[in-house]
N, C-alpha and C. Protein backbone atom coordinates (compact mmCIF):
# COMPACT_ATOMS: atom_id res chain seq x y z
N MET A 1 -45.77 62.99 -67.64
CA MET A 1 -46.83 62.31 -66.93
C MET A 1 -47.55 61.38 -67.91
N ASN A 2 -47.94 60.25 -67.42
CA ASN A 2 -48.62 59.27 -68.25
C ASN A 2 -50.13 59.35 -68.00
N ILE A 3 -50.85 59.76 -69.02
CA ILE A 3 -52.29 59.95 -68.88
C ILE A 3 -53.02 58.62 -68.65
N ASN A 4 -52.40 57.51 -68.96
CA ASN A 4 -53.02 56.21 -68.76
C ASN A 4 -52.87 55.68 -67.33
N ASP A 5 -52.11 56.39 -66.53
CA ASP A 5 -51.90 56.02 -65.14
C ASP A 5 -53.10 56.49 -64.30
N LYS A 6 -53.63 55.59 -63.50
CA LYS A 6 -54.82 55.90 -62.70
C LYS A 6 -54.58 57.07 -61.75
N SER A 7 -53.42 57.16 -61.15
CA SER A 7 -53.15 58.26 -60.22
C SER A 7 -53.11 59.61 -60.95
N VAL A 8 -52.61 59.60 -62.17
CA VAL A 8 -52.59 60.83 -62.97
C VAL A 8 -54.02 61.23 -63.33
N LEU A 9 -54.82 60.27 -63.72
CA LEU A 9 -56.22 60.56 -64.03
C LEU A 9 -56.97 61.11 -62.83
N ASP A 10 -56.69 60.57 -61.67
CA ASP A 10 -57.31 61.08 -60.44
C ASP A 10 -56.91 62.53 -60.19
N LEU A 11 -55.63 62.83 -60.39
CA LEU A 11 -55.15 64.20 -60.22
C LEU A 11 -55.83 65.15 -61.21
N LEU A 12 -55.93 64.72 -62.45
CA LEU A 12 -56.57 65.55 -63.47
C LEU A 12 -58.03 65.80 -63.13
N ASN A 13 -58.71 64.77 -62.67
CA ASN A 13 -60.12 64.94 -62.28
C ASN A 13 -60.27 65.92 -61.13
N LYS A 14 -59.36 65.86 -60.18
CA LYS A 14 -59.39 66.80 -59.06
C LYS A 14 -59.17 68.22 -59.54
N LEU A 15 -58.22 68.40 -60.46
CA LEU A 15 -57.96 69.73 -61.02
C LEU A 15 -59.19 70.27 -61.74
N ILE A 16 -59.84 69.42 -62.48
CA ILE A 16 -61.04 69.83 -63.22
C ILE A 16 -62.12 70.30 -62.26
N VAL A 17 -62.33 69.55 -61.20
CA VAL A 17 -63.39 69.88 -60.24
C VAL A 17 -63.02 71.12 -59.43
N ILE A 18 -61.82 71.17 -58.91
CA ILE A 18 -61.41 72.28 -58.05
C ILE A 18 -61.40 73.60 -58.82
N ASN A 19 -60.86 73.57 -60.04
CA ASN A 19 -60.73 74.79 -60.83
C ASN A 19 -61.92 75.05 -61.75
N ARG A 20 -62.88 74.14 -61.73
CA ARG A 20 -64.09 74.27 -62.54
C ARG A 20 -63.74 74.59 -64.00
N LEU A 21 -62.91 73.72 -64.56
CA LEU A 21 -62.44 73.93 -65.92
C LEU A 21 -63.55 73.71 -66.94
N ASN A 22 -63.50 74.50 -68.00
CA ASN A 22 -64.47 74.31 -69.07
C ASN A 22 -63.91 73.32 -70.10
N LYS A 23 -64.66 73.05 -71.14
CA LYS A 23 -64.25 72.03 -72.12
C LYS A 23 -62.93 72.38 -72.80
N VAL A 24 -62.76 73.62 -73.16
CA VAL A 24 -61.53 74.05 -73.84
C VAL A 24 -60.33 73.87 -72.91
N GLN A 25 -60.48 74.25 -71.66
CA GLN A 25 -59.40 74.11 -70.69
C GLN A 25 -59.06 72.65 -70.43
N ILE A 26 -60.06 71.80 -70.39
CA ILE A 26 -59.83 70.37 -70.19
C ILE A 26 -59.06 69.79 -71.36
N LEU A 27 -59.44 70.17 -72.57
CA LEU A 27 -58.71 69.69 -73.75
C LEU A 27 -57.27 70.17 -73.76
N GLN A 28 -57.05 71.42 -73.37
CA GLN A 28 -55.68 71.94 -73.26
C GLN A 28 -54.89 71.12 -72.25
N MET A 29 -55.51 70.85 -71.11
CA MET A 29 -54.84 70.11 -70.06
C MET A 29 -54.44 68.71 -70.55
N VAL A 30 -55.36 68.04 -71.22
CA VAL A 30 -55.08 66.70 -71.72
C VAL A 30 -53.91 66.73 -72.72
N ASN A 31 -53.87 67.75 -73.55
CA ASN A 31 -52.77 67.87 -74.51
C ASN A 31 -51.43 68.16 -73.84
N LEU A 32 -51.46 68.83 -72.70
CA LEU A 32 -50.23 69.20 -72.01
C LEU A 32 -49.71 68.14 -71.04
N VAL A 33 -50.51 67.16 -70.73
CA VAL A 33 -50.11 66.14 -69.76
C VAL A 33 -48.85 65.41 -70.22
N ASP A 34 -48.79 65.06 -71.48
CA ASP A 34 -47.65 64.29 -71.99
C ASP A 34 -46.32 65.04 -71.89
N ILE A 35 -46.35 66.35 -72.02
CA ILE A 35 -45.10 67.11 -71.99
C ILE A 35 -44.76 67.63 -70.60
N SER A 36 -45.64 67.41 -69.65
CA SER A 36 -45.42 67.88 -68.28
C SER A 36 -44.76 66.79 -67.44
N ASN A 37 -43.82 67.21 -66.61
CA ASN A 37 -43.09 66.27 -65.75
C ASN A 37 -43.87 65.89 -64.50
N ASP A 38 -44.62 66.85 -63.97
CA ASP A 38 -45.40 66.60 -62.76
C ASP A 38 -46.58 67.57 -62.73
N ILE A 39 -47.34 67.53 -61.66
CA ILE A 39 -48.55 68.33 -61.58
C ILE A 39 -48.23 69.83 -61.56
N ASN A 40 -47.15 70.22 -60.92
CA ASN A 40 -46.77 71.63 -60.88
C ASN A 40 -46.37 72.11 -62.27
N ASP A 41 -45.67 71.28 -62.98
CA ASP A 41 -45.29 71.61 -64.35
C ASP A 41 -46.54 71.75 -65.23
N LEU A 42 -47.49 70.88 -65.03
CA LEU A 42 -48.74 70.95 -65.77
C LEU A 42 -49.47 72.26 -65.49
N LYS A 43 -49.53 72.65 -64.24
CA LYS A 43 -50.19 73.90 -63.87
C LYS A 43 -49.50 75.09 -64.53
N GLU A 44 -48.18 75.10 -64.53
CA GLU A 44 -47.43 76.18 -65.16
C GLU A 44 -47.67 76.20 -66.67
N ASN A 45 -47.71 75.04 -67.28
CA ASN A 45 -47.98 74.97 -68.72
C ASN A 45 -49.38 75.47 -69.04
N LEU A 46 -50.33 75.15 -68.20
CA LEU A 46 -51.70 75.64 -68.40
C LEU A 46 -51.77 77.16 -68.28
N LYS A 47 -51.07 77.70 -67.29
CA LYS A 47 -51.03 79.16 -67.14
C LYS A 47 -50.42 79.81 -68.36
N TRP A 48 -49.32 79.24 -68.83
CA TRP A 48 -48.64 79.79 -69.99
C TRP A 48 -49.53 79.73 -71.22
N GLU A 49 -50.19 78.61 -71.42
CA GLU A 49 -51.10 78.46 -72.56
C GLU A 49 -52.25 79.44 -72.50
N SER A 50 -52.82 79.62 -71.35
CA SER A 50 -53.96 80.52 -71.23
C SER A 50 -53.54 81.97 -71.41
N SER A 51 -52.34 82.33 -70.99
CA SER A 51 -51.89 83.71 -71.17
C SER A 51 -51.55 84.00 -72.62
N ASN A 52 -51.14 82.98 -73.38
CA ASN A 52 -50.78 83.18 -74.78
C ASN A 52 -51.94 82.98 -75.73
N SER A 53 -53.04 82.48 -75.26
CA SER A 53 -54.17 82.21 -76.16
C SER A 53 -54.86 83.50 -76.60
N TYR A 54 -54.61 84.58 -75.91
CA TYR A 54 -55.26 85.85 -76.25
C TYR A 54 -54.37 86.76 -77.06
N LEU A 55 -53.19 86.29 -77.45
CA LEU A 55 -52.27 87.14 -78.23
C LEU A 55 -52.63 87.16 -79.68
C-alpha cells in the first residue's frame, strides 16, 4: 500500500477513528503500511505485531 495515496490515507484515518488507536498503535500502523498488500493484510499485521509486543 502506498501511504502517499489519498485513498490509503482515508482508510488509515478511518481505522484510527473506528478502533480508537493510540499513538503507539498509529506509529505501528504507519510502519506496516508499506509492507501490507491491502487493508486486510494491514489489519493482520497489526494483530501480529500487537500479540508479539508483549513477548
